[in-house]
Amino acid sequence: MSNQKRTTLALAAALAGSIVVAGAPAAHAEVVDVNYQCVTPIGPKGAVSPIDIKGVRSGAGYKLTMSFQKGVSSSPVELGKGAMNPSAVIELGGAEQGKIQVTGPANSEAIPANTPIRISDLSGTYTPKKSGKVTFTAGVLTIKALGTTTTCTPKNSPGPSLELDVQGAGGTSDGGSSDGGSTGGASTGGSTGGASGGGELPRTGPLDSAAALGTFGGTVLLSGAAGVLWLTRRGQRATG
């Protein structure tokens, strides 16, 4: 291999590496303690539960998953299998204001009387409309069981559990509002966040970041290979 070819390949690899680092998606997530105060059929109850919210790309938006690490209420009677149905609201902030409705399956096992009700993971779909940093914060939790409704409201002004720096379909970053959302993973409206126009959406977690890095790296390396081919043909013409 000629010195010219070696130099060109080295430059292409260096360029690919620098663009991969710069193109990595921006996301920040943390577990936040939420002080839920609940209005139940037998009086007020409350508990603090750590809340985790994750966002994973799904089509033109995100699949959001809200996880409760502790129970927030209890029942004076046993709740049989499938008797309890939870749902909640995730509050949007930053580049876009609004709410996303998330729901989860009914309890898969009976819940004994006077024990904390463990909430299953709640999920929904969020389709972005604005660009910029968007925050996702735990909102009101609703528990329906045995014909009754318990409403639990955060009282400690919790901080966001998730923040994403995204590109929305509108391409603007002047903020906005959206009351739409989704229930059970089917989108019924939009909110802030990632690009719905086909752009790369940030995700959370190391595997998601690795996938994004691989995509950017592969694109740039292909461009570098094309540059090498062009330089080689140009040299052949000049010597011929």
C-alpha atoms as a PDB file:
ATOM      1  CA  MET A   1       0.000   0.000   0.000  1.00  0.00           C
ATOM      2  CA  SER A   2       1.398   3.444  -0.951  1.00  0.00           C
ATOM      3  CA  ASN A   3       2.122   6.126   1.642  1.00  0.00           C
ATOM      4  CA  GLN A   4      -0.673   8.223   0.119  1.00  0.00           C
ATOM      5  CA  LYS A   5      -3.239   5.452   0.712  1.00  0.00           C
ATOM      6  CA  ARG A   6      -2.079   4.892   4.306  1.00  0.00           C
ATOM      7  CA  THR A   7      -2.296   8.613   5.084  1.00  0.00           C
ATOM      8  CA  THR A   8      -5.792   8.911   3.586  1.00  0.00           C
ATOM      9  CA  LEU A   9      -7.111   5.922   5.555  1.00  0.00           C
ATOM     10  CA  ALA A  10      -5.639   7.268   8.799  1.00  0.00           C
ATOM     11  CA  LEU A  11      -7.308  10.642   8.258  1.00  0.00           C
ATOM     12  CA  ALA A  12     -10.668   8.990   7.501  1.00  0.00           C
ATOM     13  CA  ALA A  13     -10.488   6.900  10.703  1.00  0.00           C
ATOM     14  CA  ALA A  14      -9.581   9.942  12.818  1.00  0.00           C
ATOM     15  CA  LEU A  15     -12.467  11.932  11.350  1.00  0.00           C
ATOM     16  CA  ALA A  16     -14.901   9.084  12.038  1.00  0.00           C
ATOM     17  CA  GLY A  17     -13.838   8.893  15.666  1.00  0.00           C
ATOM     18  CA  SER A  18     -14.265  12.614  16.282  1.00  0.00           C
ATOM     19  CA  ILE A  19     -17.720  12.731  14.724  1.00  0.00           C
ATOM     20  CA  VAL A  20     -18.887   9.650  16.656  1.00  0.00           C
ATOM     21  CA  VAL A  21     -18.078  11.350  19.964  1.00  0.00           C
ATOM     22  CA  ALA A  22     -19.753  14.607  18.952  1.00  0.00           C
ATOM     23  CA  GLY A  23     -22.874  12.856  17.637  1.00  0.00           C
ATOM     24  CA  ALA A  24     -23.688  10.791  20.735  1.00  0.00           C
ATOM     25  CA  PRO A  25     -27.263  11.468  21.950  1.00  0.00           C
ATOM     26  CA  ALA A  26     -27.796  13.566  25.085  1.00  0.00           C
ATOM     27  CA  ALA A  27     -29.913  12.099  27.864  1.00  0.00           C
ATOM     28  CA  HIS A  28     -29.973  12.253  31.636  1.00  0.00           C
ATOM     29  CA  ALA A  29     -31.941  10.004  33.964  1.00  0.00           C
ATOM     30  CA  GLU A  30     -32.062   9.528  37.730  1.00  0.00           C
ATOM     31  CA  VAL A  31     -34.247   7.930  40.375  1.00  0.00           C
ATOM     32  CA  VAL A  32     -36.254  10.585  42.246  1.00  0.00           C
ATOM     33  CA  ASP A  33     -38.027  10.180  45.604  1.00  0.00           C
ATOM     34  CA  VAL A  34     -41.670  11.199  45.269  1.00  0.00           C
ATOM     35  CA  ASN A  35     -43.819  11.872  48.354  1.00  0.00           C
ATOM     36  CA  TYR A  36     -47.246  10.619  47.324  1.00  0.00           C
ATOM     37  CA  GLN A  37     -50.191  11.687  49.458  1.00  0.00           C
ATOM     38  CA  CYS A  38     -53.257   9.615  48.645  1.00  0.00           C
ATOM     39  CA  VAL A  39     -56.972  10.206  49.059  1.00  0.00           C
ATOM     40  CA  THR A  40     -58.525   6.764  49.635  1.00  0.00           C
ATOM     41  CA  PRO A  41     -62.071   5.574  50.421  1.00  0.00           C
ATOM     42  CA  ILE A  42     -61.007   4.999  54.061  1.00  0.00           C
ATOM     43  CA  GLY A  43     -59.047   8.202  54.567  1.00  0.00           C
ATOM     44  CA  PRO A  44     -55.679   9.769  53.722  1.00  0.00           C
ATOM     45  CA  LYS A  45     -52.585   7.653  53.275  1.00  0.00           C
ATOM     46  CA  GLY A  46     -49.136   8.330  51.918  1.00  0.00           C
ATOM     47  CA  ALA A  47     -45.633   7.057  51.318  1.00  0.00           C
ATOM     48  CA  VAL A  48     -42.411   8.008  49.571  1.00  0.00           C
ATOM     49  CA  SER A  49     -41.528   5.940  46.513  1.00  0.00           C
ATOM     50  CA  PRO A  50     -38.406   6.255  44.334  1.00  0.00           C
ATOM     51  CA  ILE A  51     -39.554   6.808  40.747  1.00  0.00           C
ATOM     52  CA  ASP A  52     -37.606   5.945  37.610  1.00  0.00           C
ATOM     53  CA  ILE A  53     -38.664   7.047  34.108  1.00  0.00           C
ATOM     54  CA  LYS A  54     -37.019   5.651  30.984  1.00  0.00           C
ATOM     55  CA  GLY A  55     -37.461   6.614  27.342  1.00  0.00           C
ATOM     56  CA  VAL A  56     -36.725   4.261  24.444  1.00  0.00           C
ATOM     57  CA  ARG A  57     -37.181   5.077  20.778  1.00  0.00           C
ATOM     58  CA  SER A  58     -40.347   3.638  19.290  1.00  0.00           C
ATOM     59  CA  GLY A  59     -41.168   4.565  15.706  1.00  0.00           C
ATOM     60  CA  ALA A  60     -41.499   8.347  15.478  1.00  0.00           C
ATOM     61  CA  GLY A  61     -41.443   8.863  19.245  1.00  0.00           C
ATOM     62  CA  TYR A  62     -40.592   7.277  22.556  1.00  0.00           C
ATOM     63  CA  LYS A  63     -41.924   4.483  24.665  1.00  0.00           C
ATOM     64  CA  LEU A  64     -41.929   5.840  28.222  1.00  0.00           C
ATOM     65  CA  THR A  65     -41.771   3.497  31.213  1.00  0.00           C
ATOM     66  CA  MET A  66     -42.462   4.733  34.750  1.00  0.00           C
ATOM     67  CA  SER A  67     -41.299   2.421  37.557  1.00  0.00           C
ATOM     68  CA  PHE A  68     -42.238   2.505  41.257  1.00  0.00           C
ATOM     69  CA  GLN A  69     -39.703   0.994  43.643  1.00  0.00           C
ATOM     70  CA  LYS A  70     -42.047   1.052  46.671  1.00  0.00           C
ATOM     71  CA  GLY A  71     -45.777   0.827  47.311  1.00  0.00           C
ATOM     72  CA  VAL A  72     -47.630   4.086  47.983  1.00  0.00           C
ATOM     73  CA  SER A  73     -50.946   2.986  49.513  1.00  0.00           C
ATOM     74  CA  SER A  74     -52.714  -0.051  50.982  1.00  0.00           C
ATOM     75  CA  SER A  75     -56.139  -1.672  51.142  1.00  0.00           C
ATOM     76  CA  PRO A  76     -58.060  -2.732  54.273  1.00  0.00           C
ATOM     77  CA  VAL A  77     -59.156  -5.872  52.423  1.00  0.00           C
ATOM     78  CA  GLU A  78     -57.346  -8.309  50.198  1.00  0.00           C
ATOM     79  CA  LEU A  79     -57.235  -7.378  46.528  1.00  0.00           C
ATOM     80  CA  GLY A  80     -57.606 -10.479  44.405  1.00  0.00           C
ATOM     81  CA  LYS A  81     -55.626 -11.133  41.258  1.00  0.00           C
ATOM     82  CA  GLY A  82     -56.560  -8.574  38.584  1.00  0.00           C
ATOM     83  CA  ALA A  83     -58.564  -6.387  40.990  1.00  0.00           C
ATOM     84  CA  MET A  84     -56.281  -3.329  40.936  1.00  0.00           C
ATOM     85  CA  ASN A  85     -55.649  -1.146  37.851  1.00  0.00           C
ATOM     86  CA  PRO A  86     -53.068   1.666  38.003  1.00  0.00           C
ATOM     87  CA  SER A  87     -52.433   4.678  35.786  1.00  0.00           C
ATOM     88  CA  ALA A  88     -50.447   7.889  36.127  1.00  0.00           C
ATOM     89  CA  VAL A  89     -49.494  11.154  34.493  1.00  0.00           C
ATOM     90  CA  ILE A  90     -45.971  12.177  33.490  1.00  0.00           C
ATOM     91  CA  GLU A  91     -45.504  15.952  33.458  1.00  0.00           C
ATOM     92  CA  LEU A  92     -43.485  17.469  30.619  1.00  0.00           C
ATOM     93  CA  GLY A  93     -41.316  20.538  31.078  1.00  0.00           C
ATOM     94  CA  GLY A  94     -38.596  22.511  29.368  1.00  0.00           C
ATOM     95  CA  ALA A  95     -38.985  22.922  25.623  1.00  0.00           C
ATOM     96  CA  GLU A  96     -42.583  21.700  25.745  1.00  0.00           C
ATOM     97  CA  GLN A  97     -45.277  21.645  28.400  1.00  0.00           C
ATOM     98  CA  GLY A  98     -47.912  18.937  28.661  1.00  0.00           C
ATOM     99  CA  LYS A  99     -48.909  15.598  30.122  1.00  0.00           C
ATOM    100  CA  ILE A 100     -48.411  11.997  29.034  1.00  0.00           C
ATOM    101  CA  GLN A 101     -50.811   9.342  30.291  1.00  0.00           C
ATOM    102  CA  VAL A 102     -49.205   6.017  31.220  1.00  0.00           C
ATOM    103  CA  THR A 103     -50.980   2.821  32.250  1.00  0.00           C
ATOM    104  CA  GLY A 104     -50.047  -0.628  33.456  1.00  0.00           C
ATOM    105  CA  PRO A 105     -51.469  -4.120  33.813  1.00  0.00           C
ATOM    106  CA  ALA A 106     -53.668  -5.201  36.696  1.00  0.00           C
ATOM    107  CA  ASN A 107     -51.979  -6.909  39.646  1.00  0.00           C
ATOM    108  CA  SER A 108     -50.780 -10.387  38.671  1.00  0.00           C
ATOM    109  CA  GLU A 109     -51.035 -11.714  42.240  1.00  0.00           C
ATOM    110  CA  ALA A 110     -53.370 -11.149  45.165  1.00  0.00           C
ATOM    111  CA  ILE A 111     -52.416  -8.240  47.464  1.00  0.00           C
ATOM    112  CA  PRO A 112     -52.925  -9.004  51.178  1.00  0.00           C
ATOM    113  CA  ALA A 113     -54.915  -6.579  53.314  1.00  0.00           C
ATOM    114  CA  ASN A 114     -53.041  -3.692  54.954  1.00  0.00           C
ATOM    115  CA  THR A 115     -49.853  -4.184  52.933  1.00  0.00           C
ATOM    116  CA  PRO A 116     -48.300  -1.652  50.538  1.00  0.00           C
ATOM    117  CA  ILE A 117     -49.729  -1.836  47.034  1.00  0.00           C
ATOM    118  CA  ARG A 118     -46.815  -2.342  44.660  1.00  0.00           C
ATOM    119  CA  ILE A 119     -47.504  -0.589  41.370  1.00  0.00           C
ATOM    120  CA  SER A 120     -46.481  -2.389  38.181  1.00  0.00           C
ATOM    121  CA  ASP A 121     -44.478  -0.558  35.523  1.00  0.00           C
ATOM    122  CA  LEU A 122     -46.606   1.996  33.677  1.00  0.00           C
ATOM    123  CA  SER A 123     -45.985   2.773  30.027  1.00  0.00           C
ATOM    124  CA  GLY A 124     -47.171   5.048  27.256  1.00  0.00           C
ATOM    125  CA  THR A 125     -46.017   6.612  23.998  1.00  0.00           C
ATOM    126  CA  TYR A 126     -44.721  10.154  23.587  1.00  0.00           C
ATOM    127  CA  THR A 127     -44.386  11.828  20.184  1.00  0.00           C
ATOM    128  CA  PRO A 128     -42.265  15.020  20.188  1.00  0.00           C
ATOM    129  CA  LYS A 129     -43.245  18.280  18.541  1.00  0.00           C
ATOM    130  CA  LYS A 130     -40.636  20.746  19.833  1.00  0.00           C
ATOM    131  CA  SER A 131     -36.854  20.789  19.931  1.00  0.00           C
ATOM    132  CA  GLY A 132     -34.631  21.344  22.955  1.00  0.00           C
ATOM    133  CA  LYS A 133     -34.289  19.929  26.452  1.00  0.00           C
ATOM    134  CA  VAL A 134     -37.452  18.215  27.696  1.00  0.00           C
ATOM    135  CA  THR A 135     -37.980  16.959  31.244  1.00  0.00           C
ATOM    136  CA  PHE A 136     -40.231  14.119  32.430  1.00  0.00           C
ATOM    137  CA  THR A 137     -41.523  14.269  36.016  1.00  0.00           C
ATOM    138  CA  ALA A 138     -43.803  11.957  37.983  1.00  0.00           C
ATOM    139  CA  GLY A 139     -47.353  13.316  38.281  1.00  0.00           C
ATOM    140  CA  VAL A 140     -50.650  12.133  39.749  1.00  0.00           C
ATOM    141  CA  LEU A 141     -51.090   8.379  40.301  1.00  0.00           C
ATOM    142  CA  THR A 142     -54.564   6.812  40.126  1.00  0.00           C
ATOM    143  CA  ILE A 143     -55.436   3.388  41.525  1.00  0.00           C
ATOM    144  CA  LYS A 144     -58.799   1.780  40.733  1.00  0.00           C
ATOM    145  CA  ALA A 145     -59.825  -1.291  42.714  1.00  0.00           C
ATOM    146  CA  LEU A 146     -63.086  -2.969  43.736  1.00  0.00           C
ATOM    147  CA  GLY A 147     -65.161  -0.130  42.316  1.00  0.00           C
ATOM    148  CA  THR A 148     -63.233   2.572  44.193  1.00  0.00           C
ATOM    149  CA  THR A 149     -60.682   5.160  43.081  1.00  0.00           C
ATOM    150  CA  THR A 150     -57.610   6.282  45.016  1.00  0.00           C
ATOM    151  CA  THR A 151     -55.797   9.411  43.856  1.00  0.00           C
ATOM    152  CA  CYS A 152     -52.177  10.012  44.910  1.00  0.00           C
ATOM    153  CA  THR A 153     -50.586  13.428  44.359  1.00  0.00           C
ATOM    154  CA  PRO A 154     -46.879  14.312  44.663  1.00  0.00           C
ATOM    155  CA  LYS A 155     -46.503  16.831  47.504  1.00  0.00           C
ATOM    156  CA  ASN A 156     -42.739  17.419  47.583  1.00  0.00           C
ATOM    157  CA  SER A 157     -42.376  19.077  44.152  1.00  0.00           C
ATOM    158  CA  PRO A 158     -40.161  16.270  42.842  1.00  0.00           C
ATOM    159  CA  GLY A 159     -37.523  16.962  40.233  1.00  0.00           C
ATOM    160  CA  PRO A 160     -37.480  15.315  36.802  1.00  0.00           C
ATOM    161  CA  SER A 161     -36.666  11.623  36.550  1.00  0.00           C
ATOM    162  CA  LEU A 162     -35.635  11.987  32.901  1.00  0.00           C
ATOM    163  CA  GLU A 163     -34.290  14.753  30.666  1.00  0.00           C
ATOM    164  CA  LEU A 164     -33.756  14.476  26.922  1.00  0.00           C
ATOM    165  CA  ASP A 165     -32.192  16.917  24.483  1.00  0.00           C
ATOM    166  CA  VAL A 166     -34.109  16.224  21.313  1.00  0.00           C
ATOM    167  CA  GLN A 167     -35.123  17.442  17.865  1.00  0.00           C
ATOM    168  CA  GLY A 168     -38.845  17.679  17.253  1.00  0.00           C
ATOM    169  CA  ALA A 169     -40.747  17.528  13.983  1.00  0.00           C
ATOM    170  CA  GLY A 170     -41.340  21.290  14.024  1.00  0.00           C
ATOM    171  CA  GLY A 171     -37.628  22.052  14.414  1.00  0.00           C
ATOM    172  CA  THR A 172     -38.307  24.904  16.857  1.00  0.00           C
ATOM    173  CA  SER A 173     -37.156  25.375  20.432  1.00  0.00           C
ATOM    174  CA  ASP A 174     -39.404  28.165  21.670  1.00  0.00           C
ATOM    175  CA  GLY A 175     -41.436  25.902  23.923  1.00  0.00           C
ATOM    176  CA  GLY A 176     -45.059  24.920  23.617  1.00  0.00           C
ATOM    177  CA  SER A 177     -47.753  22.878  25.215  1.00  0.00           C
ATOM    178  CA  SER A 178     -49.363  19.567  24.600  1.00  0.00           C
ATOM    179  CA  ASP A 179     -52.169  17.907  26.481  1.00  0.00           C
ATOM    180  CA  GLY A 180     -51.940  14.782  24.363  1.00  0.00           C
ATOM    181  CA  GLY A 181     -50.299  11.563  25.321  1.00  0.00           C
ATOM    182  CA  SER A 182     -50.976   7.881  25.175  1.00  0.00           C
ATOM    183  CA  THR A 183     -52.549   5.083  27.109  1.00  0.00           C
ATOM    184  CA  GLY A 184     -51.194   1.564  27.104  1.00  0.00           C
ATOM    185  CA  GLY A 185     -48.571   2.393  24.488  1.00  0.00           C
ATOM    186  CA  ALA A 186     -50.946   3.777  21.822  1.00  0.00           C
ATOM    187  CA  SER A 187     -50.207   7.407  21.104  1.00  0.00           C
ATOM    188  CA  THR A 188     -53.085   9.872  21.335  1.00  0.00           C
ATOM    189  CA  GLY A 189     -51.119  13.052  21.084  1.00  0.00           C
ATOM    190  CA  GLY A 190     -47.719  14.669  21.070  1.00  0.00           C
ATOM    191  CA  SER A 191     -45.332  16.230  23.442  1.00  0.00           C
ATOM    192  CA  THR A 192     -41.725  17.210  23.497  1.00  0.00           C
ATOM    193  CA  GLY A 193     -38.716  15.205  22.803  1.00  0.00           C
ATOM    194  CA  GLY A 194     -37.128  13.411  19.910  1.00  0.00           C
ATOM    195  CA  ALA A 195     -37.402  13.824  16.208  1.00  0.00           C
ATOM    196  CA  SER A 196     -40.542  12.516  14.610  1.00  0.00           C
ATOM    197  CA  GLY A 197     -39.295  13.460  11.172  1.00  0.00           C
ATOM    198  CA  GLY A 198     -36.917  10.515  10.912  1.00  0.00           C
ATOM    199  CA  GLY A 199     -33.981  11.962  12.856  1.00  0.00           C
ATOM    200  CA  GLU A 200     -32.045  10.056  15.479  1.00  0.00           C
ATOM    201  CA  LEU A 201     -33.722  10.141  18.870  1.00  0.00           C
ATOM    202  CA  PRO A 202     -31.754  10.030  22.113  1.00  0.00           C
ATOM    203  CA  ARG A 203     -32.268   7.023  24.318  1.00  0.00           C
ATOM    204  CA  THR A 204     -31.217   6.128  27.797  1.00  0.00           C
ATOM    205  CA  GLY A 205     -28.889   3.344  28.810  1.00  0.00           C
ATOM    206  CA  PRO A 206     -25.487   2.162  27.630  1.00  0.00           C
ATOM    207  CA  LEU A 207     -26.815  -0.206  24.964  1.00  0.00           C
ATOM    208  CA  ASP A 208     -28.796   2.598  23.332  1.00  0.00           C
ATOM    209  CA  SER A 209     -25.757   4.893  23.275  1.00  0.00           C
ATOM    210  CA  ALA A 210     -23.613   2.105  21.814  1.00  0.00           C
ATOM    211  CA  ALA A 211     -26.113   1.563  19.008  1.00  0.00           C
ATOM    212  CA  ALA A 212     -26.140   5.276  18.201  1.00  0.00           C
ATOM    213  CA  LEU A 213     -22.329   5.378  18.190  1.00  0.00           C
ATOM    214  CA  GLY A 214     -22.183   2.421  15.785  1.00  0.00           C
ATOM    215  CA  THR A 215     -24.590   4.120  13.369  1.00  0.00           C
ATOM    216  CA  PHE A 216     -22.650   7.382  13.254  1.00  0.00           C
ATOM    217  CA  GLY A 217     -19.310   5.584  12.997  1.00  0.00           C
ATOM    218  CA  GLY A 218     -20.449   3.388  10.129  1.00  0.00           C
ATOM    219  CA  THR A 219     -21.733   6.365   8.140  1.00  0.00           C
ATOM    220  CA  VAL A 220     -18.514   8.333   8.469  1.00  0.00           C
ATOM    221  CA  LEU A 221     -16.276   5.353   7.711  1.00  0.00           C
ATOM    222  CA  LEU A 222     -18.215   4.736   4.485  1.00  0.00           C
ATOM    223  CA  SER A 223     -17.654   8.371   3.548  1.00  0.00           C
ATOM    224  CA  GLY A 224     -13.945   7.946   4.272  1.00  0.00           C
ATOM    225  CA  ALA A 225     -13.731   4.853   2.067  1.00  0.00           C
ATOM    226  CA  ALA A 226     -15.354   6.779  -0.791  1.00  0.00           C
ATOM    227  CA  GLY A 227     -12.721   9.491  -0.381  1.00  0.00           C
ATOM    228  CA  VAL A 228      -9.916   6.910  -0.596  1.00  0.00           C
ATOM    229  CA  LEU A 229     -11.370   5.454  -3.817  1.00  0.00           C
ATOM    230  CA  TRP A 230     -11.599   8.911  -5.387  1.00  0.00           C
ATOM    231  CA  LEU A 231      -8.015   9.788  -4.462  1.00  0.00           C
ATOM    232  CA  THR A 232      -6.721   6.452  -5.809  1.00  0.00           C
ATOM    233  CA  ARG A 233      -8.481   6.849  -9.170  1.00  0.00           C
ATOM    234  CA  ARG A 234      -7.258  10.415  -9.427  1.00  0.00           C
ATOM    235  CA  GLY A 235      -3.656   9.228  -8.874  1.00  0.00           C
ATOM    236  CA  GLN A 236      -4.021   6.535 -11.536  1.00  0.00           C
ATOM    237  CA  ARG A 237      -5.246   9.078 -14.085  1.00  0.00           C
ATOM    238  CA  ALA A 238      -2.368  11.408 -13.285  1.00  0.00           C
ATOM    239  CA  THR A 239       0.280   8.647 -13.729  1.00  0.00           C
ATOM    240  CA  GLY A 240      -1.402   7.253 -16.830  1.00  0.00           C
END
